[in-house]
Each structure stands twice: as C-alpha cells, then as structure tokens.
Amino acid sequence: MFINEVELFKGISSHFINKIASHAEEQTFPAGHVLFEEGDFADYLYVLEEGEIDISIQGQERVSFPVNQPGQLFGWSAFVEPNRYTARAKTLKESKVIRIDGDLLVGLFEKYPSEGLTVMKRLAGVIGSRLVKCYQEITTPPGP
C-alpha cells in the first residue's frame, strides 16, 4: 500500500499514516462497476492504485473528470459535510483502489489537528483545481 505517497498525505507524520493504513482496504473492481452515485451517502475516500475511474456529474451538460493516475483520490465527500457524493464514480476498466473510511479520517483529524489541517488544506487545493478544470470544460466552445 502506498498511502504515504498520496499527495494528500505526503510529509504527514508516520504515526498518522500508519493509523490510516491499518484501516485502509484494497479492493479491485471490474470494468463498468459503479462505486457510488451522485447523492449517495459518502462513506469512503478512495485512492486509485491502478486502472481508470470516470467521475461524472450529469446536469444540463455531462461533466466528466478522469481519475487515471496512481495516487489520485476521489470520494472526498466522505469527510466533508454534508457527506454526500457530488458525482458518480464508475470504473472504465478493471481498477484497484484503496478505500479509507471517512469517519476514521474525521476521528484522526480531531485527535491530530495539525495533520488534519494539513490534509484539509491539500484537499482544498485538489477540489479547487478540479473546479477550474470543470469550468474550463463547460465554458470552452467545442473545436471545429
């Protein structure tokens, strides 16, 4: 498992990483498997180990964000209120993920506030960059 290599957790103390890793689960899903739907209760944060996940939101236009690099995370709603997934996550090919319980993370953030603050700041950066990408996708006119 490579939790300590995930951008969200890089440089965090080893005791904090060990607590996360001891409760993390590795899972493999076949192509076409839906991990969660938009609006579902958010139980878990996921980290991609291998494969490809399509994160999509269906509004007037479908917005899609590919998760295809090892270490990319998705399902961050598991530790952000109101704890509902804001998109659908579906495997595009067989994929291996690390699944981390959101309640566990929140408990660790409360017990280790310095590490929790660092993780939340990094999460804000991840969310911000994804929002910018989605805005660009929505507002960029289609090519010729």
Protein backbone atom coordinates (compact mmCIF):
# COMPACT_ATOMS: atom_id res chain seq x y z
CA MET A 1 0.00 0.00 0.00
CA PHE A 2 1.30 3.45 -0.80
CA ILE A 3 -0.76 5.82 1.37
CA ASN A 4 2.34 7.84 2.29
CA GLU A 5 2.95 8.56 -1.42
CA VAL A 6 -0.52 10.06 -2.00
CA GLU A 7 -0.24 13.84 -2.42
CA LEU A 8 -2.87 14.43 0.26
CA PHE A 9 -0.77 12.59 2.87
CA LYS A 10 2.83 13.37 1.78
CA GLY A 11 5.03 14.60 4.59
CA ILE A 12 2.48 13.72 7.27
CA SER A 13 3.85 12.01 10.39
CA SER A 14 4.33 8.25 10.15
CA HIS A 15 2.13 7.53 13.18
CA PHE A 16 -0.77 9.30 11.45
CA ILE A 17 -0.15 7.47 8.15
CA ASN A 18 0.12 4.13 9.98
CA LYS A 19 -3.26 4.68 11.62
CA ILE A 20 -4.83 5.38 8.23
CA ALA A 21 -3.08 2.46 6.55
CA SER A 22 -4.09 0.00 9.26
CA HIS A 23 -7.76 0.62 8.44
CA ALA A 24 -7.47 1.05 4.66
CA GLU A 25 -8.77 -1.69 2.38
CA GLU A 26 -7.51 -2.63 -1.07
CA GLN A 27 -10.28 -3.54 -3.47
CA THR A 28 -10.44 -4.49 -7.15
CA PHE A 29 -13.48 -3.74 -9.29
CA PRO A 30 -14.29 -4.91 -12.84
CA ALA A 31 -14.83 -2.52 -15.75
CA GLY A 32 -18.27 -0.91 -15.65
CA HIS A 33 -18.65 -1.13 -11.86
CA VAL A 34 -20.31 1.88 -10.19
CA LEU A 35 -18.59 2.64 -6.89
CA PHE A 36 -21.08 5.34 -5.95
CA GLU A 37 -23.79 7.55 -7.41
CA GLU A 38 -24.25 11.29 -7.04
CA GLY A 39 -26.27 11.90 -3.87
CA ASP A 40 -25.34 8.61 -2.16
CA PHE A 41 -24.18 8.82 1.45
CA ALA A 42 -20.41 9.23 1.37
CA ASP A 43 -18.76 6.51 3.45
CA TYR A 44 -15.30 6.24 1.89
CA LEU A 45 -12.42 8.17 0.40
CA TYR A 46 -10.78 6.28 -2.48
CA VAL A 47 -7.23 6.34 -3.80
CA LEU A 48 -6.52 4.87 -7.24
CA GLU A 49 -3.74 2.27 -7.35
CA GLU A 50 -4.28 1.18 -10.95
CA GLY A 51 -6.97 1.36 -13.59
CA GLU A 52 -9.28 4.20 -14.60
CA ILE A 53 -12.31 5.76 -12.97
CA ASP A 54 -14.75 8.17 -14.60
CA ILE A 55 -16.06 10.78 -12.17
CA SER A 56 -19.08 12.45 -13.75
CA ILE A 57 -21.84 14.89 -12.94
CA GLN A 58 -24.97 14.94 -15.05
CA GLY A 59 -26.54 18.39 -15.27
CA GLN A 60 -27.63 20.28 -18.38
CA GLU A 61 -24.35 19.02 -19.74
CA ARG A 62 -22.40 16.00 -18.54
CA VAL A 63 -19.10 16.94 -16.91
CA SER A 64 -16.52 14.20 -16.60
CA PHE A 65 -13.23 14.04 -14.74
CA PRO A 66 -10.90 11.10 -15.38
CA VAL A 67 -9.04 9.51 -12.47
CA ASN A 68 -6.28 7.53 -14.16
CA GLN A 69 -3.03 8.20 -12.32
CA PRO A 70 -1.92 6.13 -9.33
CA GLY A 71 -2.36 8.15 -6.16
CA GLN A 72 -5.27 10.25 -7.42
CA LEU A 73 -8.10 10.43 -4.95
CA PHE A 74 -11.84 10.61 -5.28
CA GLY A 75 -14.81 10.37 -2.95
CA TRP A 76 -13.55 13.21 -0.75
CA SER A 77 -17.16 13.89 0.30
CA ALA A 78 -16.63 11.14 2.89
CA PHE A 79 -15.07 13.68 5.24
CA VAL A 80 -16.73 16.88 4.08
CA GLU A 81 -20.27 17.78 5.14
CA PRO A 82 -22.98 17.02 4.13
CA ASN A 83 -21.27 13.67 3.45
CA ARG A 84 -22.99 13.07 0.10
CA TYR A 85 -21.08 12.17 -3.04
CA THR A 86 -21.30 15.03 -5.52
CA ALA A 87 -20.67 12.87 -8.59
CA ARG A 88 -20.88 9.34 -9.95
CA ALA A 89 -17.77 7.11 -9.94
CA LYS A 90 -17.61 4.28 -12.47
CA THR A 91 -14.67 2.10 -13.47
CA LEU A 92 -13.73 2.35 -17.14
CA LYS A 93 -11.51 -0.71 -16.88
CA GLU A 94 -10.59 -3.12 -14.10
CA SER A 95 -9.35 -0.92 -11.29
CA LYS A 96 -7.64 -1.37 -7.94
CA VAL A 97 -8.34 1.19 -5.25
CA ILE A 98 -7.57 1.83 -1.61
CA ARG A 99 -10.74 2.54 0.35
CA ILE A 100 -10.49 4.61 3.55
CA ASP A 101 -13.36 5.06 5.99
CA GLY A 102 -14.40 8.73 6.18
CA ASP A 103 -15.42 8.54 9.86
CA LEU A 104 -11.98 7.16 10.68
CA LEU A 105 -10.34 10.13 8.94
CA VAL A 106 -12.52 12.65 10.74
CA GLY A 107 -11.69 10.99 14.07
CA LEU A 108 -7.98 11.12 13.28
CA PHE A 109 -8.26 14.80 12.27
CA GLU A 110 -9.83 15.53 15.65
CA LYS A 111 -7.15 13.57 17.51
CA TYR A 112 -4.28 15.02 15.43
CA PRO A 113 -5.45 18.52 14.44
CA SER A 114 -2.14 19.64 12.94
CA GLU A 115 -2.08 16.72 10.49
CA GLY A 116 -5.82 17.13 9.87
CA LEU A 117 -5.38 20.80 8.97
CA THR A 118 -2.58 19.95 6.54
CA VAL A 119 -4.71 17.28 4.85
CA MET A 120 -7.72 19.60 4.60
CA LYS A 121 -5.60 22.39 3.06
CA ARG A 122 -4.32 19.94 0.46
CA LEU A 123 -7.84 18.69 -0.16
CA ALA A 124 -8.99 22.28 -0.78
CA GLY A 125 -6.27 22.55 -3.44
CA VAL A 126 -7.42 19.32 -5.11
CA ILE A 127 -11.04 20.46 -5.14
CA GLY A 128 -10.08 23.90 -6.44
CA SER A 129 -8.05 22.50 -9.35
CA ARG A 130 -10.89 20.17 -10.30
CA LEU A 131 -13.40 23.02 -10.24
CA VAL A 132 -11.20 25.08 -12.53
CA LYS A 133 -10.91 22.13 -14.94
CA CYS A 134 -14.69 21.64 -14.93
CA TYR A 135 -15.33 25.34 -15.54
CA GLN A 136 -12.91 25.30 -18.45
CA GLU A 137 -14.60 22.21 -19.89
CA ILE A 138 -18.04 23.78 -19.63
CA THR A 139 -17.08 27.21 -20.99
CA THR A 140 -14.71 26.17 -23.78
CA PRO A 141 -16.53 26.03 -27.10
CA PRO A 142 -16.18 22.76 -28.99
CA GLY A 143 -13.40 22.64 -31.58
CA PRO A 144 -14.07 22.66 -35.32
